[in-house]
Every structure is written in structure tokens, then in C-alpha cells.
Amino acid sequence: MFQSGGQGRGVEAAHFGRDHTVESVRWCIEMPNEQDKAVLRFLFTKYKMARPLLAPPEIPPERLAILRKGFADTMQDADFRADAAKAGLDINPVSGEEIAKLVAGLNATPAAVVARTRMLLGQPAR
């Protein structure tokens, strides 16, 4: 929301974590109700992951390590970054290890949080 004169006024923002570039904004993840925080974490995890690259669960650990290293190296490659900048793309990679933690967190979400999320989104209970 903006006030006259183009001055921004922080209200609330939906975001997985705190963004210190906009200190005046109250982030909804900072809500005082723990149950609602859990719902928001559950909902926002997909935005933290964006577009994950996945491999089958039975992939040998050494092959997974090679793929993760290749991804990490590509994300740091100067030519790749220059091409992304030319295309107007933001590059904010999330490591395979972090993706695994996020997925594990989603899988461990309590049924009550999933049910509350479905209710708030107007989806039928399962």
C-alpha cells in the first residue's frame, strides 16, 4: 500500500522469512498465534523451494553428490550468472540438502496443521 507522495507504508507481507531490506513491514510469519505460524510455514515452504530438481529416491549417494556439486558449480558460474542477468532472471539457489530438509519438514507437518490449512483455503477435509 502506498500513501500520497509515493511513500510506502508497511502493512503485512507474506514471506517465508524476514527480509531486512523492508524493516517497516510486519511479516505474517511473525504472527503471535503458533498454530497460524505453522499453517503459514506449511504454505510458504513451496516458495522457498521454487522449482526444485528431483532425483529418484534410490539414486546412489555418490551420484547424488555429483549432481548436487554440478548444480552448485553452475549456480556460481560467471557465464551462467551473466546470461541470467541478461534475461532478467534472479538466481537464488537453494541447496539439495536444504530442499531435503524442507521436504522432510513438509512430510512431518502435523495432521491438525494440514487440516486447518485445508479449511482456511476452503478445501474439503480428507
C-alpha atoms as a PDB file:
ATOM      1  CA  MET A   1       0.000   0.000   0.000  1.00  0.00           C
ATOM      2  CA  PHE A   2       1.247   3.467  -0.777  1.00  0.00           C
ATOM      3  CA  GLN A   3       0.481   6.826   0.716  1.00  0.00           C
ATOM      4  CA  SER A   4       0.332  10.003  -1.315  1.00  0.00           C
ATOM      5  CA  GLY A   5       3.737  11.152  -2.463  1.00  0.00           C
ATOM      6  CA  GLY A   6       4.833   7.596  -3.233  1.00  0.00           C
ATOM      7  CA  GLN A   7       5.890   6.834   0.320  1.00  0.00           C
ATOM      8  CA  GLY A   8       5.482   3.174   1.106  1.00  0.00           C
ATOM      9  CA  ARG A   9       3.731   2.180   4.278  1.00  0.00           C
ATOM     10  CA  GLY A  10       4.493  -1.271   5.568  1.00  0.00           C
ATOM     11  CA  VAL A  11       1.419  -3.295   6.323  1.00  0.00           C
ATOM     12  CA  GLU A  12       1.976  -7.027   6.133  1.00  0.00           C
ATOM     13  CA  ALA A  13       3.728  -9.281   3.703  1.00  0.00           C
ATOM     14  CA  ALA A  14       3.572 -12.970   3.021  1.00  0.00           C
ATOM     15  CA  HIS A  15       7.101 -14.303   3.089  1.00  0.00           C
ATOM     16  CA  PHE A  16       8.894 -17.379   4.364  1.00  0.00           C
ATOM     17  CA  GLY A  17      11.440 -15.426   6.365  1.00  0.00           C
ATOM     18  CA  ARG A  18      12.358 -11.917   7.441  1.00  0.00           C
ATOM     19  CA  ASP A  19      13.513  -9.511   4.751  1.00  0.00           C
ATOM     20  CA  HIS A  20      15.624  -6.858   6.463  1.00  0.00           C
ATOM     21  CA  THR A  21      15.508  -4.568   3.423  1.00  0.00           C
ATOM     22  CA  VAL A  22      11.998  -3.502   4.434  1.00  0.00           C
ATOM     23  CA  GLU A  23      12.090  -3.094   8.187  1.00  0.00           C
ATOM     24  CA  SER A  24       8.710  -1.339   8.421  1.00  0.00           C
ATOM     25  CA  VAL A  25       6.772  -4.359   7.158  1.00  0.00           C
ATOM     26  CA  ARG A  26       5.180  -6.713   9.659  1.00  0.00           C
ATOM     27  CA  TRP A  27       5.636 -10.205   8.229  1.00  0.00           C
ATOM     28  CA  CYS A  28       2.739 -12.586   8.682  1.00  0.00           C
ATOM     29  CA  ILE A  29       5.144 -15.330   9.723  1.00  0.00           C
ATOM     30  CA  GLU A  30       5.665 -13.194  12.849  1.00  0.00           C
ATOM     31  CA  MET A  31       2.054 -13.673  13.917  1.00  0.00           C
ATOM     32  CA  PRO A  32       1.663 -14.349  17.640  1.00  0.00           C
ATOM     33  CA  ASN A  33      -0.542 -17.440  17.176  1.00  0.00           C
ATOM     34  CA  GLU A  34       1.678 -20.543  16.895  1.00  0.00           C
ATOM     35  CA  GLN A  35      -0.990 -22.554  15.073  1.00  0.00           C
ATOM     36  CA  ASP A  36      -1.294 -19.893  12.371  1.00  0.00           C
ATOM     37  CA  LYS A  37       2.505 -19.651  12.118  1.00  0.00           C
ATOM     38  CA  ALA A  38       2.593 -23.399  11.473  1.00  0.00           C
ATOM     39  CA  VAL A  39      -0.024 -23.012   8.718  1.00  0.00           C
ATOM     40  CA  LEU A  40       1.982 -20.214   7.099  1.00  0.00           C
ATOM     41  CA  ARG A  41       5.227 -22.182   7.266  1.00  0.00           C
ATOM     42  CA  PHE A  42       3.429 -25.118   5.652  1.00  0.00           C
ATOM     43  CA  LEU A  43       2.065 -22.890   2.883  1.00  0.00           C
ATOM     44  CA  PHE A  44       5.234 -20.858   2.254  1.00  0.00           C
ATOM     45  CA  THR A  45       7.669 -23.766   2.038  1.00  0.00           C
ATOM     46  CA  LYS A  46       6.833 -24.205  -1.639  1.00  0.00           C
ATOM     47  CA  TYR A  47       8.019 -20.655  -2.313  1.00  0.00           C
ATOM     48  CA  LYS A  48      11.332 -21.300  -0.595  1.00  0.00           C
ATOM     49  CA  MET A  49      11.890 -24.263  -2.909  1.00  0.00           C
ATOM     50  CA  ALA A  50      10.605 -22.553  -6.088  1.00  0.00           C
ATOM     51  CA  ARG A  51      11.399 -25.160  -8.758  1.00  0.00           C
ATOM     52  CA  PRO A  52      13.358 -28.000  -7.181  1.00  0.00           C
ATOM     53  CA  LEU A  53      15.229 -30.510  -9.281  1.00  0.00           C
ATOM     54  CA  LEU A  54      14.493 -34.025  -8.085  1.00  0.00           C
ATOM     55  CA  ALA A  55      16.118 -37.420  -8.447  1.00  0.00           C
ATOM     56  CA  PRO A  56      14.621 -40.831  -7.687  1.00  0.00           C
ATOM     57  CA  PRO A  57      14.874 -41.975  -4.052  1.00  0.00           C
ATOM     58  CA  GLU A  58      17.059 -44.953  -4.983  1.00  0.00           C
ATOM     59  CA  ILE A  59      19.803 -42.808  -6.557  1.00  0.00           C
ATOM     60  CA  PRO A  60      23.245 -43.895  -5.326  1.00  0.00           C
ATOM     61  CA  PRO A  61      24.695 -41.377  -2.839  1.00  0.00           C
ATOM     62  CA  GLU A  62      27.824 -40.772  -4.935  1.00  0.00           C
ATOM     63  CA  ARG A  63      25.715 -39.903  -7.996  1.00  0.00           C
ATOM     64  CA  LEU A  64      23.549 -37.570  -5.906  1.00  0.00           C
ATOM     65  CA  ALA A  65      26.706 -35.842  -4.639  1.00  0.00           C
ATOM     66  CA  ILE A  66      27.928 -35.356  -8.236  1.00  0.00           C
ATOM     67  CA  LEU A  67      24.582 -33.878  -9.310  1.00  0.00           C
ATOM     68  CA  ARG A  68      24.469 -31.543  -6.296  1.00  0.00           C
ATOM     69  CA  LYS A  69      28.030 -30.365  -6.932  1.00  0.00           C
ATOM     70  CA  GLY A  70      27.264 -29.763 -10.610  1.00  0.00           C
ATOM     71  CA  PHE A  71      24.212 -27.708  -9.688  1.00  0.00           C
ATOM     72  CA  ALA A  72      26.144 -25.687  -7.090  1.00  0.00           C
ATOM     73  CA  ASP A  73      29.003 -25.070  -9.531  1.00  0.00           C
ATOM     74  CA  THR A  74      26.573 -23.953 -12.245  1.00  0.00           C
ATOM     75  CA  MET A  75      24.872 -21.520  -9.864  1.00  0.00           C
ATOM     76  CA  GLN A  76      28.273 -19.888  -9.227  1.00  0.00           C
ATOM     77  CA  ASP A  77      29.439 -19.898 -12.857  1.00  0.00           C
ATOM     78  CA  ALA A  78      30.113 -16.358 -14.105  1.00  0.00           C
ATOM     79  CA  ASP A  79      28.822 -17.033 -17.634  1.00  0.00           C
ATOM     80  CA  PHE A  80      25.634 -18.617 -16.288  1.00  0.00           C
ATOM     81  CA  ARG A  81      25.060 -15.646 -13.979  1.00  0.00           C
ATOM     82  CA  ALA A  82      25.728 -13.174 -16.805  1.00  0.00           C
ATOM     83  CA  ASP A  83      23.222 -14.944 -19.075  1.00  0.00           C
ATOM     84  CA  ALA A  84      20.657 -14.972 -16.264  1.00  0.00           C
ATOM     85  CA  ALA A  85      21.190 -11.259 -15.630  1.00  0.00           C
ATOM     86  CA  LYS A  86      20.753 -10.505 -19.357  1.00  0.00           C
ATOM     87  CA  ALA A  87      17.493 -12.439 -19.292  1.00  0.00           C
ATOM     88  CA  GLY A  88      16.360 -10.536 -16.180  1.00  0.00           C
ATOM     89  CA  LEU A  89      16.345 -13.657 -14.024  1.00  0.00           C
ATOM     90  CA  ASP A  90      17.112 -13.672 -10.316  1.00  0.00           C
ATOM     91  CA  ILE A  91      19.312 -16.545  -9.240  1.00  0.00           C
ATOM     92  CA  ASN A  92      18.743 -17.552  -5.616  1.00  0.00           C
ATOM     93  CA  PRO A  93      19.661 -21.226  -5.444  1.00  0.00           C
ATOM     94  CA  VAL A  94      18.636 -23.496  -2.609  1.00  0.00           C
ATOM     95  CA  SER A  95      20.962 -26.452  -1.998  1.00  0.00           C
ATOM     96  CA  GLY A  96      19.851 -30.049  -2.328  1.00  0.00           C
ATOM     97  CA  GLU A  97      20.475 -30.520   1.369  1.00  0.00           C
ATOM     98  CA  GLU A  98      18.176 -27.594   2.181  1.00  0.00           C
ATOM     99  CA  ILE A  99      15.491 -28.929  -0.203  1.00  0.00           C
ATOM    100  CA  ALA A 100      15.694 -32.300   1.571  1.00  0.00           C
ATOM    101  CA  LYS A 101      15.192 -30.559   4.941  1.00  0.00           C
ATOM    102  CA  LEU A 102      12.214 -28.592   3.605  1.00  0.00           C
ATOM    103  CA  VAL A 103      10.578 -31.735   2.187  1.00  0.00           C
ATOM    104  CA  ALA A 104      11.191 -33.594   5.446  1.00  0.00           C
ATOM    105  CA  GLY A 105       9.536 -30.697   7.275  1.00  0.00           C
ATOM    106  CA  LEU A 106       6.532 -30.854   4.967  1.00  0.00           C
ATOM    107  CA  ASN A 107       6.256 -34.610   5.476  1.00  0.00           C
ATOM    108  CA  ALA A 108       6.390 -34.112   9.251  1.00  0.00           C
ATOM    109  CA  THR A 109       3.631 -31.487   9.281  1.00  0.00           C
ATOM    110  CA  PRO A 110       1.069 -32.455  11.918  1.00  0.00           C
ATOM    111  CA  ALA A 111      -2.311 -33.564  10.571  1.00  0.00           C
ATOM    112  CA  ALA A 112      -4.010 -30.758  12.520  1.00  0.00           C
ATOM    113  CA  VAL A 113      -1.953 -28.142  10.649  1.00  0.00           C
ATOM    114  CA  VAL A 114      -2.792 -29.723   7.296  1.00  0.00           C
ATOM    115  CA  ALA A 115      -6.489 -29.859   8.241  1.00  0.00           C
ATOM    116  CA  ARG A 116      -6.505 -26.206   9.358  1.00  0.00           C
ATOM    117  CA  THR A 117      -4.738 -25.183   6.153  1.00  0.00           C
ATOM    118  CA  ARG A 118      -7.298 -27.036   4.039  1.00  0.00           C
ATOM    119  CA  MET A 119     -10.143 -25.412   5.986  1.00  0.00           C
ATOM    120  CA  LEU A 120      -8.659 -21.913   5.585  1.00  0.00           C
ATOM    121  CA  LEU A 121      -8.221 -22.496   1.859  1.00  0.00           C
ATOM    122  CA  GLY A 122     -11.811 -23.720   1.535  1.00  0.00           C
ATOM    123  CA  GLN A 123     -10.770 -27.246   0.585  1.00  0.00           C
ATOM    124  CA  PRO A 124     -12.732 -30.262   1.760  1.00  0.00           C
ATOM    125  CA  ALA A 125     -11.314 -32.333   4.617  1.00  0.00           C
ATOM    126  CA  ARG A 126      -9.838 -35.692   3.765  1.00  0.00           C
END
